[in-house]
């Protein structure tokens, strides 16, 4: 026989209520402890989303109104279905859910729930009980979607340049470190381009920062159009940008940078800008099988290559430094 008092303790532990609310709920539960068979009524007294699940096949036996609202469904639609219908198709997320449900001891995890009206991020907490002579699980769900969105937004702000949306210098360096580790494992070729927008300070001083921002965003739009989604782009200074070309030869990387330079020059000409729009770039590569340098050394080498190219550009020579 299912023990209501045990359910009360589990619900109180699993639901994330304030202390004052928990005391109020305890008084309500004490009142209904005599109604051992009225699980539906007891579930619906709980303000936190709760579900009763069979342990052997994860079939939903009962959900309360709060759970139905969270899952964007109704009790009639849900009871009798397997809880996995809300887990989505992502393999890692599905595995995390199944690991949680298989735990013998009470456990909790932050996981997504996939509903008809979108995804919710929840703290899912489980506890085992014996109901109707068979093992079951009590599942408590706390909706933290808004908090997760705020956290993700703050994380993004900490990693990206506010104007362009590109990775900032710190985040780019971290990505470069990871790319070098991956390179070491796969022994594939990797290239790093370091670029400087020529004359940006003069544009800001002469025509104002709004025009300077336009110059920057025009260049960034070109980068997004020409760079593969597998490559890594960052704004590493006010007028400095860098690209990690993954699994790419130096010749291919230089050709890509050259096309960007040519397109930037063409835009400056055809938009009748009162100033030149051009970029100096240095490209360095690490050949497959070679021991890669550390991230800072590679950035320094690419920076030096860029200044070499800037010097050559002033003398009207080739657009990309050959290293």
Protein backbone atom coordinates (compact mmCIF):
# COMPACT_ATOMS: atom_id res chain seq x y z
CA UNK A 1 0.00 0.00 0.00
CA UNK A 2 1.27 3.48 -0.91
CA UNK A 3 2.15 5.52 2.14
CA UNK A 4 0.85 9.07 1.87
CA UNK A 5 3.08 10.29 4.68
CA UNK A 6 6.12 9.11 2.71
CA UNK A 7 4.84 10.95 -0.35
CA UNK A 8 4.40 14.07 1.77
CA UNK A 9 8.03 13.96 2.89
CA UNK A 10 9.24 13.37 -0.67
CA UNK A 11 7.14 16.16 -2.10
CA UNK A 12 8.26 18.58 0.57
CA UNK A 13 11.89 17.69 -0.07
CA UNK A 14 11.60 17.73 -3.84
CA UNK A 15 9.50 20.87 -4.39
CA UNK A 16 11.49 24.09 -4.16
CA UNK A 17 9.20 26.20 -2.00
CA UNK A 18 9.93 28.93 0.48
CA UNK A 19 10.04 27.94 4.13
CA UNK A 20 6.77 29.72 4.86
CA UNK A 21 5.03 27.97 1.95
CA UNK A 22 6.42 24.60 2.99
CA UNK A 23 4.95 25.01 6.48
CA UNK A 24 1.58 25.80 4.94
CA UNK A 25 1.80 22.76 2.67
CA UNK A 26 2.76 20.56 5.61
CA UNK A 27 -0.43 21.62 7.41
CA UNK A 28 -2.50 20.77 4.34
CA UNK A 29 -0.79 17.40 3.91
CA UNK A 30 -1.33 16.50 7.56
CA UNK A 31 -5.00 17.14 7.06
CA UNK A 32 -5.17 14.71 4.15
CA UNK A 33 -2.98 11.91 5.43
CA UNK A 34 -6.08 9.93 6.27
CA UNK A 35 -7.00 9.86 2.55
CA UNK A 36 -4.39 7.28 1.56
CA UNK A 37 -6.02 6.42 -1.76
CA UNK A 38 -6.63 9.99 -2.90
CA UNK A 39 -3.28 10.52 -4.65
CA UNK A 40 -4.80 12.73 -7.33
CA UNK A 41 -6.17 15.13 -4.76
CA UNK A 42 -2.87 15.12 -2.88
CA UNK A 43 -0.85 15.75 -6.03
CA UNK A 44 -3.00 18.70 -7.00
CA UNK A 45 -2.46 20.31 -3.60
CA UNK A 46 1.23 20.67 -4.41
CA UNK A 47 2.08 23.93 -6.24
CA UNK A 48 5.26 22.46 -7.72
CA UNK A 49 4.99 20.30 -10.88
CA UNK A 50 4.98 16.62 -9.81
CA UNK A 51 4.60 13.29 -11.58
CA UNK A 52 4.29 9.66 -10.48
CA UNK A 53 6.12 7.28 -12.82
CA UNK A 54 6.33 3.49 -12.96
CA UNK A 55 9.89 2.41 -12.28
CA UNK A 56 10.09 -0.46 -14.76
CA UNK A 57 8.90 1.27 -17.96
CA UNK A 58 8.73 4.99 -17.00
CA UNK A 59 5.04 5.21 -17.80
CA UNK A 60 3.33 8.27 -16.32
CA UNK A 61 0.77 7.17 -13.75
CA UNK A 62 -0.22 10.59 -12.43
CA UNK A 63 0.66 14.25 -12.92
CA UNK A 64 -0.65 17.26 -11.05
CA UNK A 65 -2.08 20.45 -12.54
CA UNK A 66 1.21 22.29 -12.20
CA UNK A 67 3.01 19.56 -14.17
CA UNK A 68 0.32 19.60 -16.86
CA UNK A 69 0.77 23.37 -17.21
CA UNK A 70 4.55 23.07 -17.40
CA UNK A 71 4.37 20.27 -19.98
CA UNK A 72 1.71 22.16 -21.99
CA UNK A 73 -0.58 19.15 -21.90
CA UNK A 74 -3.43 17.67 -19.85
CA UNK A 75 -3.65 14.76 -17.46
CA UNK A 76 -5.80 12.82 -19.91
CA UNK A 77 -3.28 13.28 -22.74
CA UNK A 78 -0.27 12.39 -20.62
CA UNK A 79 -1.16 9.57 -18.23
CA UNK A 80 -0.28 6.23 -19.80
CA UNK A 81 2.50 7.70 -21.95
CA UNK A 82 6.21 7.18 -21.37
CA UNK A 83 7.95 10.19 -19.82
CA UNK A 84 10.61 9.93 -22.56
CA UNK A 85 8.23 11.65 -25.03
CA UNK A 86 9.36 14.89 -23.36
CA UNK A 87 13.11 14.18 -23.60
CA UNK A 88 13.70 15.31 -27.19
CA UNK A 89 16.06 13.75 -29.73
CA UNK A 90 19.43 15.03 -28.55
CA UNK A 91 21.40 11.94 -27.57
CA UNK A 92 23.36 13.55 -24.74
CA UNK A 93 20.23 15.07 -23.18
CA UNK A 94 18.30 11.80 -23.52
CA UNK A 95 21.14 9.91 -21.84
CA UNK A 96 21.26 12.43 -18.97
CA UNK A 97 17.52 11.96 -18.38
CA UNK A 98 17.77 8.16 -18.34
CA UNK A 99 20.72 8.27 -15.96
CA UNK A 100 18.69 10.43 -13.60
CA UNK A 101 15.70 8.08 -13.65
CA UNK A 102 17.89 5.02 -13.08
CA UNK A 103 19.49 6.38 -9.92
CA UNK A 104 18.60 4.36 -6.82
CA UNK A 105 19.09 7.26 -4.44
CA UNK A 106 17.30 10.64 -4.66
CA UNK A 107 18.96 12.77 -7.33
CA UNK A 108 18.48 15.94 -9.34
CA UNK A 109 19.80 17.52 -12.53
CA UNK A 110 19.23 20.53 -14.78
CA UNK A 111 17.70 19.22 -17.99
CA UNK A 112 15.51 20.35 -20.91
CA UNK A 113 11.87 19.34 -21.34
CA UNK A 114 10.51 19.41 -24.89
CA UNK A 115 6.90 20.52 -25.13
CA UNK A 116 4.52 21.47 -27.92
CA UNK A 117 5.05 25.16 -27.17
CA UNK A 118 8.83 25.05 -26.90
CA UNK A 119 11.65 23.93 -24.65
CA UNK A 120 11.74 24.48 -20.89
CA UNK A 121 14.81 24.09 -18.71
CA UNK A 122 13.97 22.37 -15.42
CA UNK A 123 15.62 21.10 -12.28
CA UNK A 124 14.37 17.52 -12.23
CA UNK A 125 14.46 15.71 -8.87
CA UNK A 126 13.60 12.05 -8.34
CA UNK A 127 12.89 9.83 -5.35
CA UNK A 128 11.84 6.17 -5.23
CA UNK A 129 8.62 5.05 -3.52
CA UNK A 130 6.52 1.90 -3.30
CA UNK A 131 3.06 2.49 -4.74
CA UNK A 132 0.39 -0.18 -5.08
CA UNK A 133 2.98 -2.81 -4.20
CA UNK A 134 5.32 -1.82 -7.05
CA UNK A 135 8.38 0.47 -7.29
CA UNK A 136 7.63 3.93 -8.65
CA UNK A 137 9.38 7.28 -8.97
CA UNK A 138 8.25 10.67 -7.80
CA UNK A 139 9.49 13.29 -10.27
CA UNK A 140 9.56 16.96 -9.26
CA UNK A 141 10.12 19.61 -11.93
CA UNK A 142 11.20 23.19 -11.19
CA UNK A 143 11.04 25.55 -14.17
CA UNK A 144 14.28 27.57 -14.38
CA UNK A 145 13.95 28.58 -18.04
CA UNK A 146 14.06 32.32 -17.36
CA UNK A 147 17.11 31.93 -15.13
CA UNK A 148 18.84 29.73 -17.72
CA UNK A 149 18.18 32.32 -20.44
CA UNK A 150 19.60 35.10 -18.27
CA UNK A 151 22.66 32.99 -17.45
CA UNK A 152 23.21 32.12 -21.11
CA UNK A 153 22.82 35.78 -22.08
CA UNK A 154 25.37 36.86 -19.47
CA UNK A 155 27.78 34.14 -20.58
CA UNK A 156 27.44 35.29 -24.17
CA UNK A 157 28.05 38.90 -23.19
CA UNK A 158 31.18 37.86 -21.32
CA UNK A 159 32.53 36.03 -24.38
CA UNK A 160 31.59 38.32 -27.25
CA UNK A 161 32.36 41.78 -28.53
CA UNK A 162 29.27 43.89 -27.89
CA UNK A 163 29.32 45.70 -31.25
CA UNK A 164 30.14 42.92 -33.71
CA UNK A 165 28.99 39.82 -31.86
CA UNK A 166 32.35 38.18 -32.56
CA UNK A 167 34.38 36.46 -29.87
CA UNK A 168 36.35 38.90 -27.73
CA UNK A 169 40.10 38.54 -27.25
CA UNK A 170 39.93 36.28 -24.20
CA UNK A 171 37.29 33.98 -25.67
CA UNK A 172 39.14 33.81 -29.00
CA UNK A 173 42.37 32.86 -27.26
CA UNK A 174 40.56 30.09 -25.36
CA UNK A 175 39.13 28.77 -28.64
CA UNK A 176 42.60 28.91 -30.20
CA UNK A 177 44.01 26.86 -27.30
CA UNK A 178 41.32 24.22 -27.86
CA UNK A 179 41.94 24.25 -31.61
CA UNK A 180 45.66 23.63 -31.03
CA UNK A 181 44.85 20.72 -28.71
CA UNK A 182 42.56 19.25 -31.35
CA UNK A 183 45.27 19.84 -33.97
CA UNK A 184 47.77 17.94 -31.85
CA UNK A 185 45.40 14.97 -31.62
CA UNK A 186 44.31 14.92 -35.29
CA UNK A 187 47.62 16.08 -36.82
CA UNK A 188 45.72 18.24 -39.33
CA UNK A 189 46.90 21.58 -40.71
CA UNK A 190 45.86 24.76 -38.93
CA UNK A 191 46.21 28.39 -39.98
CA UNK A 192 45.91 31.63 -38.06
CA UNK A 193 45.23 34.98 -39.73
CA UNK A 194 45.79 38.26 -37.89
CA UNK A 195 44.19 41.34 -39.48
CA UNK A 196 44.27 45.09 -38.90
CA UNK A 197 41.78 47.56 -40.38
CA UNK A 198 43.95 50.24 -41.96
CA UNK A 199 43.16 53.84 -41.10
CA UNK A 200 40.37 53.15 -38.59
CA UNK A 201 41.68 55.72 -36.10
CA UNK A 202 41.84 58.36 -38.82
CA UNK A 203 38.27 57.55 -39.88
CA UNK A 204 37.09 57.91 -36.27
CA UNK A 205 38.95 61.20 -35.80
CA UNK A 206 37.89 62.69 -39.14
CA UNK A 207 34.36 61.40 -39.73
CA UNK A 208 33.25 60.34 -36.24
CA UNK A 209 32.90 57.03 -34.46
CA UNK A 210 29.59 56.25 -36.16
CA UNK A 211 31.40 56.12 -39.49
CA UNK A 212 34.20 54.12 -37.87
CA UNK A 213 31.64 51.62 -36.57
CA UNK A 214 30.21 51.36 -40.09
CA UNK A 215 33.72 50.58 -41.39
CA UNK A 216 34.11 47.83 -38.77
CA UNK A 217 30.69 46.28 -39.36
CA UNK A 218 31.16 46.30 -43.14
CA UNK A 219 34.37 44.36 -42.68
CA UNK A 220 32.77 41.93 -40.19
CA UNK A 221 29.93 41.24 -42.65
CA UNK A 222 32.53 40.26 -45.25
CA UNK A 223 34.22 37.97 -42.73
CA UNK A 224 30.96 36.20 -41.98
CA UNK A 225 30.27 35.73 -45.70
CA UNK A 226 33.67 34.32 -46.57
CA UNK A 227 34.61 32.29 -43.49
CA UNK A 228 33.42 28.73 -42.91
CA UNK A 229 31.21 28.02 -39.90
CA UNK A 230 33.90 25.58 -38.73
CA UNK A 231 36.44 28.41 -38.49
CA UNK A 232 36.81 30.76 -35.51
CA UNK A 233 36.59 34.55 -35.77
CA UNK A 234 37.39 37.06 -33.04
CA UNK A 235 37.78 40.78 -32.52
CA UNK A 236 41.01 40.87 -30.55
CA UNK A 237 41.48 44.65 -30.43
CA UNK A 238 39.78 47.86 -31.50
CA UNK A 239 40.89 47.49 -35.13
CA UNK A 240 42.35 43.98 -34.91
CA UNK A 241 40.70 40.71 -35.88
CA UNK A 242 41.86 37.11 -36.03
CA UNK A 243 40.68 33.90 -37.69
CA UNK A 244 41.55 30.29 -36.95
CA UNK A 245 41.24 28.24 -40.15
CA UNK A 246 40.76 24.63 -39.11
CA UNK A 247 41.97 21.80 -41.34
CA UNK A 248 43.08 24.31 -43.97
CA UNK A 249 46.30 24.88 -45.91
CA UNK A 250 48.08 28.22 -45.78
CA UNK A 251 47.45 28.78 -49.48
CA UNK A 252 43.69 28.33 -49.07
CA UNK A 253 43.67 30.65 -46.04
CA UNK A 254 45.68 33.32 -47.88
CA UNK A 255 43.36 33.08 -50.90
CA UNK A 256 40.36 33.62 -48.62
CA UNK A 257 41.96 36.67 -46.97
CA UNK A 258 42.91 38.06 -50.37
CA UNK A 259 39.29 37.82 -51.57
CA UNK A 260 38.12 39.65 -48.44
CA UNK A 261 40.69 42.40 -49.05
CA UNK A 262 39.62 42.77 -52.68
CA UNK A 263 35.93 42.87 -51.79
CA UNK A 264 36.56 45.50 -49.09
CA UNK A 265 38.42 47.66 -51.62
CA UNK A 266 35.58 47.23 -54.11
CA UNK A 267 32.97 48.28 -51.53
CA UNK A 268 34.95 51.40 -50.61
CA UNK A 269 35.08 52.38 -54.27
CA UNK A 270 31.43 51.69 -55.15
CA UNK A 271 29.93 53.17 -51.97
CA UNK A 272 31.92 56.35 -52.61
CA UNK A 273 33.46 56.45 -49.18
CA UNK A 274 35.71 59.48 -48.65
CA UNK A 275 38.40 57.18 -47.29
CA UNK A 276 40.10 53.93 -48.18
CA UNK A 277 38.77 50.70 -46.71
CA UNK A 278 41.49 48.09 -46.63
CA UNK A 279 42.87 45.47 -44.27
CA UNK A 280 46.39 44.25 -43.62
CA UNK A 281 46.70 40.57 -42.81
CA UNK A 282 49.34 38.07 -41.86
CA UNK A 283 48.79 34.32 -42.17
CA UNK A 284 50.82 31.69 -40.36
CA UNK A 285 50.31 27.95 -40.44
CA UNK A 286 51.22 24.88 -38.44
CA UNK A 287 51.78 21.85 -40.63
CA UNK A 288 50.21 18.53 -39.79
CA UNK A 289 52.52 16.34 -37.71
CA UNK A 290 54.51 19.30 -36.38
CA UNK A 291 54.53 20.22 -32.71
CA UNK A 292 52.31 23.32 -32.50
CA UNK A 293 53.45 26.42 -30.61
CA UNK A 294 51.40 27.73 -27.72
CA UNK A 295 48.52 30.09 -28.45
CA UNK A 296 50.31 33.30 -27.44
CA UNK A 297 53.37 32.50 -29.53
CA UNK A 298 51.22 31.77 -32.58
CA UNK A 299 49.27 35.02 -32.11
CA UNK A 300 52.54 36.94 -31.81
CA UNK A 301 53.89 35.32 -34.97
CA UNK A 302 50.70 36.13 -36.91
CA UNK A 303 50.79 39.71 -35.59
CA UNK A 304 54.35 40.12 -36.84
CA UNK A 305 53.31 38.69 -40.22
CA UNK A 306 50.50 41.25 -40.39
CA UNK A 307 52.90 44.14 -39.77
CA UNK A 308 55.19 42.76 -42.45
CA UNK A 309 52.25 42.73 -44.87
CA UNK A 310 51.26 46.27 -43.82
CA UNK A 311 54.78 47.42 -44.67
CA UNK A 312 54.64 45.64 -48.04
CA UNK A 313 51.20 47.09 -48.74
CA UNK A 314 52.55 50.59 -48.28
CA UNK A 315 55.10 49.77 -50.94
CA UNK A 316 52.32 48.51 -53.25
CA UNK A 317 53.37 44.85 -53.14
CA UNK A 318 51.48 41.62 -52.55
CA UNK A 319 48.40 41.74 -50.29
CA UNK A 320 49.26 38.85 -47.99
CA UNK A 321 52.62 38.17 -46.39
CA UNK A 322 54.26 34.97 -47.56
CA UNK A 323 55.89 33.31 -44.59
